[in-house]
Structures are given as C-alpha cells and as structure tokens.
N, C-alpha and C. Protein backbone atom coordinates (compact mmCIF):
# COMPACT_ATOMS: atom_id res chain seq x y z
N MET A 1 176.28 -41.56 83.64
CA MET A 1 176.56 -40.14 83.69
C MET A 1 175.55 -39.41 82.80
N ALA A 2 175.10 -38.27 83.28
CA ALA A 2 174.11 -37.47 82.56
C ALA A 2 174.73 -36.10 82.25
N ALA A 3 174.09 -35.40 81.32
CA ALA A 3 174.53 -34.05 80.98
C ALA A 3 173.31 -33.22 80.61
N ALA A 4 173.36 -31.95 80.94
CA ALA A 4 172.28 -31.03 80.57
C ALA A 4 172.86 -29.66 80.31
N ARG A 5 172.27 -28.98 79.36
CA ARG A 5 172.64 -27.60 79.04
C ARG A 5 171.47 -26.72 79.43
N PHE A 6 171.76 -25.63 80.11
CA PHE A 6 170.73 -24.70 80.57
C PHE A 6 170.99 -23.32 79.97
N ILE A 7 169.93 -22.62 79.61
CA ILE A 7 170.01 -21.22 79.24
C ILE A 7 169.17 -20.48 80.27
N VAL A 8 169.82 -19.59 81.02
CA VAL A 8 169.16 -18.87 82.11
C VAL A 8 169.01 -17.41 81.69
N GLY A 9 167.78 -16.91 81.70
CA GLY A 9 167.52 -15.54 81.31
C GLY A 9 167.02 -14.70 82.46
N GLY A 10 167.17 -13.40 82.33
CA GLY A 10 166.75 -12.47 83.37
C GLY A 10 167.92 -11.58 83.74
N LYS A 11 167.94 -11.13 84.98
CA LYS A 11 169.08 -10.35 85.48
C LYS A 11 170.10 -11.34 86.02
N VAL A 12 170.93 -11.86 85.10
CA VAL A 12 171.86 -12.93 85.46
C VAL A 12 173.31 -12.61 85.10
N GLN A 13 173.55 -11.43 84.57
CA GLN A 13 174.93 -11.01 84.31
C GLN A 13 175.25 -9.84 85.23
N GLY A 14 176.47 -9.84 85.77
CA GLY A 14 176.89 -8.77 86.67
C GLY A 14 176.40 -8.94 88.09
N VAL A 15 175.94 -10.15 88.43
CA VAL A 15 175.41 -10.41 89.78
C VAL A 15 176.05 -11.66 90.39
N PHE A 16 177.24 -12.01 89.93
CA PHE A 16 177.99 -13.18 90.42
C PHE A 16 177.28 -14.50 90.12
N PHE A 17 176.47 -14.52 89.06
CA PHE A 17 175.71 -15.72 88.73
C PHE A 17 176.65 -16.86 88.34
N ARG A 18 177.62 -16.59 87.46
CA ARG A 18 178.51 -17.65 87.01
C ARG A 18 179.36 -18.20 88.15
N ALA A 19 179.94 -17.34 88.94
CA ALA A 19 180.78 -17.78 90.06
C ALA A 19 179.97 -18.57 91.09
N SER A 20 178.76 -18.11 91.36
CA SER A 20 177.89 -18.82 92.30
C SER A 20 177.46 -20.16 91.74
N THR A 21 177.21 -20.22 90.43
CA THR A 21 176.86 -21.48 89.79
C THR A 21 178.02 -22.46 89.92
N ARG A 22 179.23 -21.97 89.71
CA ARG A 22 180.42 -22.83 89.85
C ARG A 22 180.50 -23.41 91.26
N GLU A 23 180.29 -22.59 92.27
CA GLU A 23 180.33 -23.08 93.66
C GLU A 23 179.31 -24.18 93.88
N GLN A 24 178.09 -23.97 93.40
CA GLN A 24 177.03 -24.97 93.56
C GLN A 24 177.39 -26.26 92.83
N ALA A 25 177.91 -26.12 91.62
CA ALA A 25 178.26 -27.30 90.83
C ALA A 25 179.38 -28.11 91.48
N LEU A 26 180.39 -27.42 91.95
CA LEU A 26 181.52 -28.12 92.58
C LEU A 26 181.10 -28.83 93.86
N LYS A 27 180.19 -28.24 94.62
CA LYS A 27 179.67 -28.89 95.83
C LYS A 27 179.00 -30.22 95.50
N SER A 28 178.42 -30.29 94.30
CA SER A 28 177.70 -31.49 93.88
C SER A 28 178.54 -32.42 93.03
N GLY A 29 179.81 -32.08 92.82
CA GLY A 29 180.69 -32.94 92.04
C GLY A 29 180.44 -32.90 90.55
N LEU A 30 179.86 -31.81 90.07
CA LEU A 30 179.57 -31.69 88.64
C LEU A 30 180.75 -31.08 87.89
N ARG A 31 180.86 -31.43 86.61
CA ARG A 31 181.82 -30.81 85.70
C ARG A 31 181.04 -29.94 84.74
N GLY A 32 181.73 -29.02 84.06
CA GLY A 32 181.06 -28.22 83.05
C GLY A 32 181.53 -26.79 83.05
N TYR A 33 180.62 -25.88 82.73
CA TYR A 33 180.97 -24.47 82.67
C TYR A 33 179.73 -23.60 82.78
N ALA A 34 179.97 -22.33 83.06
CA ALA A 34 178.94 -21.30 83.01
C ALA A 34 179.54 -20.14 82.23
N LYS A 35 178.82 -19.64 81.22
CA LYS A 35 179.36 -18.52 80.45
C LYS A 35 178.26 -17.54 80.07
N ASN A 36 178.65 -16.27 80.00
CA ASN A 36 177.73 -15.22 79.55
C ASN A 36 177.50 -15.35 78.05
N LEU A 37 176.29 -15.08 77.62
CA LEU A 37 175.96 -15.03 76.21
C LEU A 37 175.69 -13.59 75.81
N ALA A 38 175.84 -13.30 74.53
CA ALA A 38 175.71 -11.94 74.03
C ALA A 38 174.34 -11.33 74.27
N ASP A 39 173.30 -12.17 74.39
CA ASP A 39 171.94 -11.65 74.59
C ASP A 39 171.62 -11.34 76.05
N GLY A 40 172.61 -11.47 76.95
CA GLY A 40 172.40 -11.17 78.37
C GLY A 40 172.05 -12.38 79.22
N SER A 41 171.92 -13.54 78.60
CA SER A 41 171.62 -14.75 79.35
C SER A 41 172.92 -15.47 79.72
N VAL A 42 172.80 -16.54 80.49
CA VAL A 42 173.94 -17.35 80.89
C VAL A 42 173.69 -18.78 80.44
N GLU A 43 174.71 -19.38 79.84
CA GLU A 43 174.65 -20.79 79.44
C GLU A 43 175.40 -21.61 80.47
N VAL A 44 174.81 -22.71 80.89
CA VAL A 44 175.43 -23.61 81.86
C VAL A 44 175.42 -25.01 81.29
N LEU A 45 176.57 -25.66 81.28
CA LEU A 45 176.67 -27.08 80.94
C LEU A 45 177.03 -27.81 82.22
N ALA A 46 176.23 -28.82 82.56
CA ALA A 46 176.48 -29.61 83.77
C ALA A 46 176.56 -31.08 83.40
N VAL A 47 177.63 -31.74 83.86
CA VAL A 47 177.85 -33.15 83.58
C VAL A 47 178.12 -33.85 84.91
N GLY A 48 177.39 -34.94 85.15
CA GLY A 48 177.57 -35.70 86.39
C GLY A 48 176.37 -36.59 86.61
N ASP A 49 176.09 -36.91 87.87
CA ASP A 49 174.94 -37.77 88.11
C ASP A 49 173.64 -36.96 87.99
N ALA A 50 172.59 -37.65 87.59
CA ALA A 50 171.31 -37.00 87.29
C ALA A 50 170.74 -36.24 88.48
N GLU A 51 170.86 -36.79 89.67
CA GLU A 51 170.31 -36.13 90.86
C GLU A 51 171.02 -34.80 91.12
N SER A 52 172.33 -34.76 90.92
CA SER A 52 173.08 -33.53 91.13
C SER A 52 172.71 -32.48 90.09
N ILE A 53 172.48 -32.92 88.86
CA ILE A 53 172.07 -31.99 87.81
C ILE A 53 170.69 -31.43 88.13
N ASP A 54 169.79 -32.29 88.61
CA ASP A 54 168.46 -31.82 89.00
C ASP A 54 168.54 -30.80 90.13
N ALA A 55 169.43 -31.05 91.09
CA ALA A 55 169.61 -30.11 92.21
C ALA A 55 170.16 -28.77 91.70
N LEU A 56 171.10 -28.83 90.76
CA LEU A 56 171.63 -27.59 90.20
C LEU A 56 170.53 -26.84 89.45
N GLU A 57 169.69 -27.57 88.73
CA GLU A 57 168.58 -26.93 88.02
C GLU A 57 167.68 -26.17 88.99
N ALA A 58 167.36 -26.79 90.12
CA ALA A 58 166.52 -26.12 91.12
C ALA A 58 167.20 -24.85 91.62
N TRP A 59 168.50 -24.89 91.83
CA TRP A 59 169.23 -23.71 92.27
C TRP A 59 169.24 -22.64 91.17
N LEU A 60 169.43 -23.05 89.91
CA LEU A 60 169.46 -22.10 88.80
C LEU A 60 168.14 -21.34 88.66
N ARG A 61 167.05 -21.94 89.06
CA ARG A 61 165.74 -21.27 88.97
C ARG A 61 165.67 -20.04 89.88
N VAL A 62 166.53 -19.99 90.88
CA VAL A 62 166.56 -18.87 91.83
C VAL A 62 167.84 -18.05 91.67
N GLY A 63 168.99 -18.74 91.62
CA GLY A 63 170.28 -18.08 91.49
C GLY A 63 170.73 -17.40 92.76
N PRO A 64 171.81 -16.63 92.67
CA PRO A 64 172.34 -15.93 93.85
C PRO A 64 171.42 -14.77 94.24
N PRO A 65 171.65 -14.17 95.41
CA PRO A 65 170.73 -13.15 95.93
C PRO A 65 170.43 -11.97 95.00
N LYS A 66 171.40 -11.47 94.25
CA LYS A 66 171.17 -10.29 93.42
C LYS A 66 170.59 -10.61 92.05
N ALA A 67 170.45 -11.88 91.73
CA ALA A 67 169.93 -12.29 90.42
C ALA A 67 168.40 -12.27 90.42
N GLN A 68 167.86 -12.18 89.21
CA GLN A 68 166.42 -12.34 89.01
C GLN A 68 166.26 -13.24 87.79
N VAL A 69 165.93 -14.50 88.03
CA VAL A 69 165.78 -15.46 86.94
C VAL A 69 164.36 -15.37 86.41
N ASP A 70 164.26 -15.08 85.12
CA ASP A 70 162.95 -15.00 84.47
C ASP A 70 162.63 -16.25 83.65
N THR A 71 163.66 -16.84 83.04
CA THR A 71 163.46 -18.04 82.22
C THR A 71 164.58 -19.03 82.45
N LEU A 72 164.24 -20.30 82.32
CA LEU A 72 165.23 -21.37 82.40
C LEU A 72 164.82 -22.43 81.41
N VAL A 73 165.71 -22.72 80.47
CA VAL A 73 165.47 -23.76 79.48
C VAL A 73 166.51 -24.84 79.69
N ARG A 74 166.06 -26.10 79.74
CA ARG A 74 166.96 -27.24 79.91
C ARG A 74 166.90 -28.11 78.67
N VAL A 75 168.09 -28.49 78.19
CA VAL A 75 168.20 -29.35 77.02
C VAL A 75 169.14 -30.50 77.37
N ALA A 76 168.69 -31.74 77.17
CA ALA A 76 169.58 -32.88 77.36
C ALA A 76 170.65 -32.81 76.28
N THR A 77 171.88 -33.14 76.63
CA THR A 77 172.99 -32.99 75.70
C THR A 77 174.09 -33.97 76.04
N GLY A 78 175.07 -34.07 75.17
CA GLY A 78 176.29 -34.80 75.49
C GLY A 78 177.15 -33.96 76.39
N ASP A 79 178.31 -34.47 76.77
CA ASP A 79 179.15 -33.72 77.72
C ASP A 79 179.77 -32.47 77.10
N GLY A 80 179.68 -32.31 75.79
CA GLY A 80 180.10 -31.08 75.14
C GLY A 80 181.52 -30.64 75.43
N GLY A 81 182.42 -31.61 75.70
CA GLY A 81 183.79 -31.24 76.01
C GLY A 81 183.92 -30.55 77.36
N ALA A 82 183.14 -30.99 78.32
CA ALA A 82 183.12 -30.35 79.64
C ALA A 82 184.48 -30.30 80.31
N GLY A 83 185.36 -31.24 80.00
CA GLY A 83 186.68 -31.25 80.63
C GLY A 83 186.60 -31.57 82.11
N GLU A 84 187.65 -31.24 82.83
CA GLU A 84 187.69 -31.48 84.27
C GLU A 84 187.24 -30.23 85.01
N GLY A 85 186.64 -30.41 86.16
CA GLY A 85 186.24 -29.28 86.97
C GLY A 85 185.06 -28.52 86.39
N PHE A 86 184.87 -27.31 86.88
CA PHE A 86 183.77 -26.47 86.43
C PHE A 86 184.32 -25.08 86.18
N ALA A 87 184.24 -24.64 84.93
CA ALA A 87 184.88 -23.38 84.53
C ALA A 87 183.88 -22.24 84.45
N VAL A 88 184.37 -21.05 84.71
CA VAL A 88 183.62 -19.82 84.46
C VAL A 88 184.26 -19.21 83.22
N LEU A 89 183.49 -19.14 82.15
CA LEU A 89 184.01 -18.64 80.88
C LEU A 89 183.51 -17.24 80.61
C-alpha cells in the first residue's frame, strides 16, 4: 500500500474540486481526504495502490472543468489516519 499527500494550487476552491477529487478517488478504490487550506489551495491525501495514486495525480493536474491548476506538489507520506472511504473536509 502506498500513500501520497498533494497540495494543489490555483483556482481550486469554489469549483467542486474536492467533490470531484472524491469521485475520482472512489472510482480507483483510494482512501483519504480532500480539504481546503487557508491559503486557497487544496490538500489531498490518497492511500491505496501506487498505480491508482499515480492516476489520481494525473487527474489532479487538470481537475474538474471550472478549475485552473497552477501548481501541484506531491509528498510521499504515511496514511495519515486516512480512515475508511474518501472524505471531503
């Protein structure tokens, strides 16, 4: 099992980014969360198989239709208390 934390910057709040990320993650069987950060970015924790995390990363680089992703940082991490399912915080 692998885990990665992403910080996504750009126009990513108020454009259904977290909900769309949850849909993508659940389709791939990932656990974790997506949450807004005070600086306007979104933090995503993804836990599951490495290929699914890589696929989510590729999706995060684009995001949903109304988003504009300017930056994406990936950090290898532990599961960070991901729990069951994929939460929108």
